[in-house]
Protein backbone atom coordinates (compact mmCIF):
# COMPACT_ATOMS: atom_id res chain seq x y z
CA MET A 1 146.78 28.99 270.78
CA THR A 2 144.76 31.49 272.86
CA SER A 3 145.46 34.95 272.73
CA GLU A 4 146.31 34.45 276.72
CA ILE A 5 149.01 32.22 275.61
CA LYS A 6 150.03 34.34 272.62
CA SER A 7 150.52 37.56 274.92
CA ARG A 8 152.65 35.53 277.13
CA VAL A 9 154.82 34.22 274.28
CA ALA A 10 155.43 37.18 273.27
CA ALA A 11 156.17 38.66 276.70
CA LEU A 12 158.89 35.71 276.87
CA ASN A 13 160.31 36.76 273.35
CA ILE A 14 160.65 40.35 274.33
CA LEU A 15 161.83 39.55 277.97
CA LYS A 16 164.74 37.65 276.17
CA LYS A 17 165.29 39.92 272.98
CA VAL A 18 165.79 43.11 275.71
CA LEU A 19 167.70 41.22 278.62
CA ASP A 20 169.87 38.92 276.56
CA GLU A 21 170.56 40.67 273.63
CA GLY A 22 170.26 44.31 274.74
CA ALA A 23 167.08 45.56 272.28
CA THR A 24 164.67 48.47 273.41
CA LEU A 25 161.64 47.80 274.89
CA ASP A 26 159.64 49.31 272.37
CA GLY A 27 161.61 47.72 269.55
CA ALA A 28 161.30 44.43 270.94
CA ILE A 29 157.25 44.64 271.40
CA ASN A 30 157.16 46.07 268.01
CA LYS A 31 158.41 42.69 266.68
CA PHE A 32 156.68 40.53 268.77
CA SER A 33 153.56 42.20 269.17
CA ASN A 34 153.03 43.88 266.56
CA THR A 35 149.57 42.51 265.18
CA PHE A 36 147.79 41.94 268.51
CA SER A 37 144.87 43.86 269.64
CA ALA A 38 145.25 47.19 271.18
CA ARG A 39 144.26 45.19 274.68
CA ASP A 40 146.63 41.93 273.86
CA ARG A 41 149.37 44.64 273.01
CA GLY A 42 148.36 46.89 276.13
CA PHE A 43 148.67 43.99 278.41
CA VAL A 44 152.33 42.36 277.14
CA ARG A 45 154.02 45.76 277.58
CA HIS A 46 152.31 46.10 281.20
CA ILE A 47 153.82 42.62 282.31
CA THR A 48 157.00 43.29 280.31
CA ALA A 49 157.78 46.64 281.69
CA THR A 50 156.91 45.72 285.15
CA THR A 51 159.03 42.93 284.83
CA ILE A 52 161.85 44.87 283.88
CA ARG A 53 161.22 47.73 286.21
CA ARG A 54 161.38 44.98 289.05
CA LEU A 55 163.91 42.95 288.12
CA GLY A 56 166.08 43.23 291.14
CA GLN A 57 163.06 42.56 293.79
CA LEU A 58 161.88 39.51 291.11
CA ASP A 59 165.39 37.83 291.48
CA LYS A 60 165.73 38.24 294.89
CA ILE A 61 162.55 36.45 295.55
CA ILE A 62 163.45 33.85 292.92
CA ASN A 63 166.59 32.73 294.83
CA HIS A 64 164.80 32.97 298.19
CA CYS A 65 162.63 30.58 296.79
CA THR A 66 164.88 28.06 295.20
CA LYS A 67 167.17 25.86 297.11
CA LYS A 68 169.61 25.50 294.12
CA LYS A 69 170.54 28.62 292.03
CA LEU A 70 169.25 28.56 288.16
CA GLY A 71 172.31 28.81 286.50
CA ASN A 72 173.39 30.45 283.10
CA THR A 73 171.92 27.66 281.32
CA GLN A 74 168.53 27.84 282.96
CA MET A 75 167.88 31.22 281.95
CA GLN A 76 164.96 30.79 280.36
CA ILE A 77 163.24 29.38 283.06
CA ARG A 78 164.35 32.14 285.15
CA HIS A 79 162.62 34.26 282.18
CA VAL A 80 159.51 32.42 282.59
CA LEU A 81 159.87 32.78 286.80
CA ARG A 82 160.21 36.47 286.09
CA LEU A 83 157.23 37.16 284.28
CA GLY A 84 155.21 34.94 286.37
CA ILE A 85 156.05 36.68 289.94
CA ALA A 86 155.38 39.90 288.16
CA GLN A 87 152.09 39.20 287.55
CA LEU A 88 151.36 37.55 290.83
CA LEU A 89 152.58 40.74 292.56
CA TYR A 90 152.62 43.75 290.80
CA SER A 91 149.58 43.21 288.60
CA GLU A 92 145.88 42.25 288.66
CA VAL A 93 146.02 39.02 286.81
CA PRO A 94 144.09 36.04 288.99
CA ALA A 95 146.83 33.84 290.33
CA TYR A 96 145.93 30.95 288.51
CA ALA A 97 146.31 32.86 285.27
CA ALA A 98 149.74 33.37 286.20
CA VAL A 99 150.94 30.02 287.46
CA ASN A 100 148.99 27.99 284.46
CA SER A 101 150.34 30.05 281.72
CA SER A 102 154.02 29.99 283.32
CA VAL A 103 153.73 26.28 283.14
CA GLU A 104 152.58 26.24 279.84
CA LEU A 105 155.33 28.51 278.95
CA VAL A 106 157.46 26.07 280.00
CA ASP A 107 156.16 23.59 277.79
CA LYS A 108 155.84 25.82 274.24
CA CYS A 109 158.62 28.00 274.84
CA VAL A 110 161.49 26.54 276.59
CA SER A 111 163.91 24.31 276.19
CA LYS A 112 163.13 20.29 275.58
CA LYS A 113 165.94 19.57 278.21
CA LEU A 114 164.55 21.90 280.76
CA HIS A 115 161.12 20.21 280.88
CA TYR A 116 161.93 18.37 284.16
CA LEU A 117 162.10 22.10 285.70
CA LYS A 118 158.53 22.26 285.10
CA ASN A 119 157.22 21.10 288.57
CA THR A 120 159.64 23.24 289.94
CA VAL A 121 158.19 26.61 288.16
CA ASN A 122 154.31 25.23 289.37
CA ALA A 123 155.18 24.80 293.03
CA LEU A 124 157.79 28.11 293.21
CA LEU A 125 154.59 30.25 291.57
CA ARG A 126 152.23 28.34 293.87
CA ARG A 127 154.43 29.32 296.95
CA VAL A 128 154.88 32.56 296.12
CA ASP A 129 151.16 33.16 295.80
CA GLN A 130 150.89 31.86 299.12
CA ASP A 131 153.27 33.87 300.82
CA ARG A 132 152.35 37.11 299.08
CA GLU A 133 152.42 39.41 301.89
CA MET A 134 155.48 38.07 303.16
CA LEU A 135 157.53 38.72 300.40
CA LEU A 136 155.95 42.05 299.19
CA LYS A 137 157.23 42.76 302.80
CA LYS A 138 160.26 41.05 303.07
CA PHE A 139 161.54 42.34 299.21
CA GLY A 140 159.66 45.76 299.02
CA ASN A 141 162.65 47.77 298.62
CA THR A 142 162.71 49.69 295.58
CA ARG A 143 166.60 50.31 295.54
CA LEU A 144 166.82 46.54 294.84
CA ASN A 145 166.35 47.44 291.13
CA PHE A 146 168.63 50.21 290.46
CA PRO A 147 172.50 49.59 289.59
CA ASP A 148 174.64 51.27 292.37
CA TRP A 149 175.73 53.97 290.57
CA ILE A 150 172.40 55.61 289.57
CA LEU A 151 171.53 55.08 293.27
CA LYS A 152 174.61 56.90 294.42
CA SER A 153 174.33 59.54 291.90
CA TRP A 154 170.77 60.55 292.74
CA ASP A 155 171.20 60.04 296.23
CA GLU A 156 174.22 62.54 296.19
CA ARG A 157 171.78 65.37 293.77
CA TYR A 158 169.04 64.88 295.56
CA GLY A 159 168.92 63.10 298.87
CA THR A 160 167.90 59.70 299.99
CA GLU A 161 164.32 61.29 300.98
CA ALA A 162 163.57 62.55 297.77
CA VAL A 163 164.96 59.59 295.94
CA LYS A 164 162.30 57.28 297.55
CA TYR A 165 159.71 59.24 295.69
CA ILE A 166 161.45 59.39 292.32
CA LEU A 167 161.98 55.15 292.59
CA GLY A 168 158.20 55.05 293.29
CA ALA A 169 157.05 57.23 290.44
CA VAL A 170 159.87 55.31 288.09
CA LEU A 171 158.51 52.00 288.99
CA SER A 172 155.17 53.28 288.19
CA GLU A 173 153.13 52.71 284.67
CA ALA A 174 153.56 55.82 282.96
CA PRO A 175 150.26 57.93 281.32
CA LEU A 176 150.14 59.09 277.45
CA ASP A 177 150.86 62.90 277.14
CA ILE A 178 149.87 64.40 274.30
CA SER A 179 150.43 67.75 272.66
CA LEU A 180 147.74 69.85 270.75
CA LYS A 181 148.54 72.13 267.59
CA PRO A 182 147.57 75.72 269.09
CA ASP A 183 144.40 76.33 267.26
CA CYS A 184 143.20 73.48 269.57
CA ASP A 185 141.11 74.25 272.41
CA LYS A 186 142.87 71.85 275.15
CA ASN A 187 139.29 71.41 277.38
CA LEU A 188 136.99 70.42 274.49
CA TRP A 189 139.79 67.90 273.49
CA ALA A 190 140.19 66.78 276.70
CA VAL A 191 137.02 65.87 277.32
CA GLN A 192 136.99 64.41 273.78
CA LEU A 193 139.99 62.21 274.71
CA SER A 194 138.83 61.21 277.96
CA GLY A 195 142.02 62.93 279.28
CA LYS A 196 142.90 66.13 281.30
CA VAL A 197 144.63 69.27 280.92
CA VAL A 198 148.01 69.30 282.98
CA PRO A 199 150.48 72.08 283.47
CA GLY A 200 152.25 73.18 280.35
CA GLY A 201 149.08 72.63 278.20
CA SER A 202 149.49 69.04 277.55
CA ILE A 203 146.48 66.26 277.60
CA ARG A 204 146.97 63.85 279.71
CA ILE A 205 145.40 60.13 278.92
CA ASN A 206 145.75 57.60 281.52
CA LYS A 207 144.09 54.68 279.71
CA ALA A 208 144.56 55.25 276.12
CA GLY A 209 144.56 52.28 274.14
CA LYS A 210 145.81 52.07 270.27
CA ILE A 211 147.09 55.16 269.62
CA THR A 212 146.10 55.76 266.09
CA GLU A 213 142.63 54.99 266.97
CA LEU A 214 142.41 57.66 269.58
CA PRO A 215 140.06 60.99 267.81
CA GLY A 216 141.85 63.58 266.12
CA TYR A 217 145.43 61.32 265.49
CA ASN A 218 144.56 60.58 262.13
CA GLU A 219 143.27 64.71 261.04
CA GLY A 220 146.62 65.71 262.67
CA HIS A 221 145.67 67.58 265.57
CA TRP A 222 148.17 66.64 267.90
CA TRP A 223 151.06 64.53 268.63
CA VAL A 224 152.83 62.04 272.06
CA GLN A 225 155.01 63.88 273.80
CA ASP A 226 155.67 63.89 277.63
CA MET A 227 154.84 66.68 279.38
CA ALA A 228 158.18 67.46 280.89
CA ALA A 229 159.34 66.97 276.68
CA ARG A 230 157.16 70.21 276.06
CA ILE A 231 158.84 72.30 278.30
CA PRO A 232 162.53 72.94 276.24
CA GLU A 233 160.65 74.31 273.38
CA THR A 234 158.45 76.41 275.36
CA LEU A 235 160.91 78.00 276.95
CA LEU A 236 162.63 78.76 273.78
CA GLY A 237 160.11 81.36 272.72
CA ALA A 238 159.90 81.23 269.11
CA LYS A 239 157.19 82.80 267.29
CA GLU A 240 155.44 82.90 263.75
CA ALA A 241 158.28 83.50 261.34
CA ASP A 242 160.94 83.07 263.61
CA ASP A 243 164.18 81.08 262.10
CA VAL A 244 164.73 77.94 264.55
CA LEU A 245 167.62 75.71 264.50
CA ASP A 246 166.53 72.15 265.87
CA LEU A 247 169.42 69.93 266.96
CA CYS A 248 169.23 66.01 267.13
CA ALA A 249 165.59 66.67 266.04
CA ALA A 250 163.78 63.21 265.75
CA PRO A 251 161.57 62.11 266.52
CA GLY A 252 160.11 65.33 266.44
CA GLY A 253 157.93 66.66 268.98
CA LYS A 254 159.68 69.61 270.04
CA THR A 255 160.01 70.76 265.87
CA ALA A 256 156.36 69.93 265.54
CA GLN A 257 155.99 72.25 268.68
CA SER A 258 158.02 75.12 266.97
CA ALA A 259 156.43 74.62 263.57
CA ALA A 260 152.49 74.45 264.90
CA ARG A 261 153.76 78.10 265.76
CA GLY A 262 154.25 79.36 262.59
CA ALA A 263 158.17 79.14 262.91
CA LYS A 264 160.76 78.60 260.04
CA VAL A 265 162.31 75.28 261.45
CA THR A 266 165.63 73.42 260.31
CA ALA A 267 165.45 70.26 261.81
CA VAL A 268 168.87 68.04 262.00
CA ASP A 269 169.72 64.92 263.12
CA PHE A 270 172.04 62.08 261.86
CA SER A 271 169.95 59.00 261.93
CA GLU A 272 167.95 58.68 258.78
CA SER A 273 165.50 55.91 260.21
CA ARG A 274 164.92 58.35 263.02
CA LEU A 275 163.75 61.23 260.60
CA GLU A 276 161.87 59.17 258.78
CA ARG A 277 159.60 59.00 261.69
CA LEU A 278 160.02 62.90 261.95
CA LYS A 279 158.67 63.27 258.61
CA GLU A 280 156.32 60.79 259.07
CA ASN A 281 154.69 63.24 262.45
CA ILE A 282 154.85 65.90 260.24
CA GLY A 283 153.53 65.31 257.34
CA ARG A 284 150.56 63.79 259.24
CA LEU A 285 150.29 67.18 261.40
CA ASN A 286 150.63 68.98 257.99
CA LEU A 287 153.30 71.12 259.26
CA GLU A 288 156.32 72.39 257.12
CA VAL A 289 159.87 72.09 257.91
CA ASP A 290 163.04 71.92 256.52
CA VAL A 291 164.90 68.60 257.14
CA VAL A 292 168.59 68.07 257.18
CA THR A 293 170.14 64.60 257.52
CA SER A 294 173.53 65.30 258.94
CA ASP A 295 175.90 64.78 262.16
CA VAL A 296 175.31 67.95 264.18
CA LEU A 297 179.24 68.63 264.80
CA ALA A 298 179.26 68.27 260.54
CA PHE A 299 176.69 70.55 260.30
CA LYS A 300 177.33 74.38 259.18
CA PRO A 301 174.79 76.36 257.56
CA LEU A 302 174.87 79.40 255.36
CA LYS A 303 172.84 81.54 258.38
CA LYS A 304 173.06 81.94 261.62
CA PHE A 305 169.90 81.37 263.91
CA ASP A 306 167.95 83.66 266.27
CA PHE A 307 166.70 80.28 267.98
CA ILE A 308 168.66 77.25 268.70
CA LEU A 309 167.21 74.21 270.22
CA LEU A 310 170.03 71.19 271.38
CA ASP A 311 168.03 68.33 272.87
CA ALA A 312 171.25 66.77 273.14
CA PRO A 313 172.03 62.70 273.12
CA CYS A 314 172.37 61.74 276.57
CA SER A 315 172.14 58.54 278.99
CA SER A 316 167.94 59.05 279.56
CA THR A 317 168.01 58.11 283.05
CA GLY A 318 164.89 60.52 283.26
CA THR A 319 163.03 58.57 281.12
CA ILE A 320 163.46 55.19 282.73
CA ARG A 321 159.80 54.71 283.77
CA ARG A 322 158.81 54.95 279.86
CA HIS A 323 162.05 53.04 279.38
CA PRO A 324 162.99 50.40 281.73
CA GLU A 325 165.59 48.72 279.92
CA ILE A 326 168.13 51.85 280.49
CA LEU A 327 168.35 50.10 284.02
CA HIS A 328 169.98 47.13 282.42
CA ILE A 329 171.37 48.43 279.20
CA ARG A 330 173.49 51.99 280.72
CA LYS A 331 176.48 51.83 282.08
CA GLN A 332 178.14 54.44 284.46
CA GLU A 333 180.92 55.26 281.88
CA ASP A 334 178.39 56.02 279.49
CA VAL A 335 177.31 59.20 281.09
CA SER A 336 180.75 60.46 281.11
CA GLU A 337 181.27 59.66 277.06
CA LEU A 338 177.86 61.34 276.58
CA ALA A 339 179.02 64.38 278.49
CA LYS A 340 181.89 64.78 276.36
CA LEU A 341 179.89 64.60 273.42
CA GLN A 342 177.34 67.22 274.64
CA THR A 343 180.23 69.50 275.31
CA LYS A 344 181.34 69.55 271.92
CA MET A 345 177.63 69.77 270.92
CA LEU A 346 176.87 73.02 272.75
CA ASP A 347 180.55 74.54 271.68
CA HIS A 348 179.28 74.07 267.90
CA ALA A 349 175.83 75.09 268.76
CA VAL A 350 176.94 78.31 269.88
CA THR A 351 178.41 79.15 266.66
CA LEU A 352 175.27 79.16 264.79
CA LEU A 353 173.96 81.42 267.18
CA ASN A 354 172.97 85.08 266.29
CA THR A 355 173.94 87.51 268.55
CA GLY A 356 170.72 88.37 270.70
CA GLY A 357 170.11 85.08 269.93
CA ILE A 358 168.50 82.25 272.45
CA MET A 359 169.42 78.65 273.19
CA ILE A 360 168.05 76.02 274.89
CA TYR A 361 170.30 73.13 275.89
CA SER A 362 168.15 70.07 277.25
CA VAL A 363 168.70 66.68 278.08
CA CYS A 364 166.41 63.71 279.56
CA SER A 365 168.62 62.96 282.20
CA MET A 366 168.79 63.33 286.02
CA GLU A 367 172.96 63.18 286.11
CA LYS A 368 174.49 66.38 287.75
CA GLN A 369 177.42 65.84 285.15
CA GLU A 370 175.19 66.39 281.69
CA GLY A 371 173.19 69.19 283.38
CA PRO A 372 174.34 71.82 285.87
CA ASP A 373 177.95 70.84 285.28
CA GLN A 374 178.00 70.86 281.61
CA ILE A 375 176.46 74.77 281.55
CA LYS A 376 178.79 75.76 284.34
CA ALA A 377 181.49 74.41 282.10
CA LEU A 378 180.29 76.26 279.10
CA LEU A 379 179.84 79.97 280.70
CA GLN A 380 183.27 79.56 282.38
CA ARG A 381 184.48 78.58 278.74
CA ASN A 382 182.73 81.21 276.73
CA SER A 383 181.85 84.68 277.55
CA SER A 384 180.11 85.63 275.08
CA LEU A 385 176.92 83.81 276.59
CA LYS A 386 174.83 84.37 279.84
CA ARG A 387 172.19 82.22 281.35
CA LYS A 388 168.49 83.71 280.83
CA GLU A 389 166.79 82.82 283.94
CA ILE A 390 163.90 81.22 283.40
CA LYS A 391 160.92 82.51 286.15
CA ALA A 392 158.52 80.92 287.93
CA GLU A 393 155.37 82.21 286.18
CA GLU A 394 156.96 80.37 283.37
CA LEU A 395 156.30 77.00 284.87
CA PRO A 396 152.55 77.65 286.50
CA GLY A 397 151.92 74.47 288.12
CA LEU A 398 155.76 73.25 288.22
CA GLU A 399 157.47 75.96 290.01
CA GLN A 400 159.46 73.60 292.29
CA ALA A 401 161.09 72.33 289.23
CA ILE A 402 162.76 75.82 288.76
CA LEU A 403 166.62 75.50 290.32
CA GLU A 404 168.42 78.45 292.05
CA THR A 405 170.33 78.85 289.24
CA GLY A 406 167.39 79.96 287.05
CA ASP A 407 167.98 76.09 285.06
CA VAL A 408 165.40 73.61 285.57
CA GLN A 409 165.47 70.10 286.62
CA THR A 410 161.95 68.08 286.27
CA LEU A 411 161.36 64.82 288.42
CA PRO A 412 159.64 61.96 287.80
CA HIS A 413 157.71 62.35 291.07
CA TYR A 414 156.74 66.00 290.80
CA TYR A 415 153.42 65.99 289.37
CA GLU A 416 151.03 63.10 289.89
CA GLY A 417 151.21 60.39 287.17
CA GLY A 418 154.61 61.25 287.17
CA MET A 419 156.91 62.89 284.51
CA ASP A 420 160.04 62.44 282.56
CA GLY A 421 163.05 63.88 284.50
CA PHE A 422 164.28 66.69 281.88
CA PHE A 423 167.21 69.28 282.81
CA ILE A 424 166.89 72.85 280.95
CA SER A 425 169.03 75.68 280.54
CA ARG A 426 168.23 78.93 279.02
CA LEU A 427 171.10 81.00 277.34
CA ILE A 428 171.62 84.48 275.46
CA LYS A 429 174.75 84.96 273.25
CA MET A 430 175.66 88.76 274.21
């Protein structure tokens, strides 16, 4: 079996794992392409992520091009067609390779009782290639890929014009952003990594290859972290020797930021597997952190803290471009349930904060219920807290992300190449 076919077999298995079983894209990629070369693994990620991002458009095209609808028993064929059309319309894969490999996938990976549809797959994909321009125009509405509840939420909060740009950014491939230790020269590392320095000090790399093979990885000079994910810890303002409590700390990007500054960090998370990743990262970076396995709501330390970072569990709608499965896994009712948990975590975190202490609340969400509404309600029920407004000079190059309230809401289209959507609020205990 050639590497081209192996890659597509893996892509088909990943698609089934994510869409049929509810697995995460990253988890499925690790399961089915872990031994692949960086090039093949990158290709697998590209075509599976593209397929999942554009599923609404792809299914509309399939339905348009088939006389008889494919039923649930023919889902394997639909998956093959989804992958094939994604390659034809939304990638640089040559048409012959996309068509021929899809037909071969039916032979190798699809139940024999469906092999009679092999000619249908061949004919449909050739038609898509022939009618490419018409199909891209007819089914070019990017809103087809998003559930109604997300579109309604974003339209109401950001306006339909802004949402056009948000959707475009969300459907684009995300670059790799890394955070450097404070003693590393950003400009020198940008040259060494063939990247560029972006607002906030991250290095952005558009074609990274295998992360573990990049210069400086094994030496612990940097860690992977989206440019938006850097902002919460930066705004916390903790310095060397300050006591920092990082709640919901895993996988550890913000923990690493504080520890690299020389702060004394206590990192708390309930997930042992995620904390293992944190420990691996902290070890590779040669940093010192006190790691505690605990439910945040049950965590009762012997002392209070001057600095608390609560990056709460959320709907993660700000990270869809990196985790497109969220479009198909997350439901509207999840937002309400997560908001209840966030409220409890905020109230508990306040009890762990010293008078005069600073707390950052952040979520990688674009939902009003998880961001502005949470802070408004928190301030109404807790008179000891005040908002410490974030100023434009604290976010050079990203001033547009600062809300009238002094909170921050980054959006996926706010910087060339995109960024995650984060809500951030800074509070002080009086």
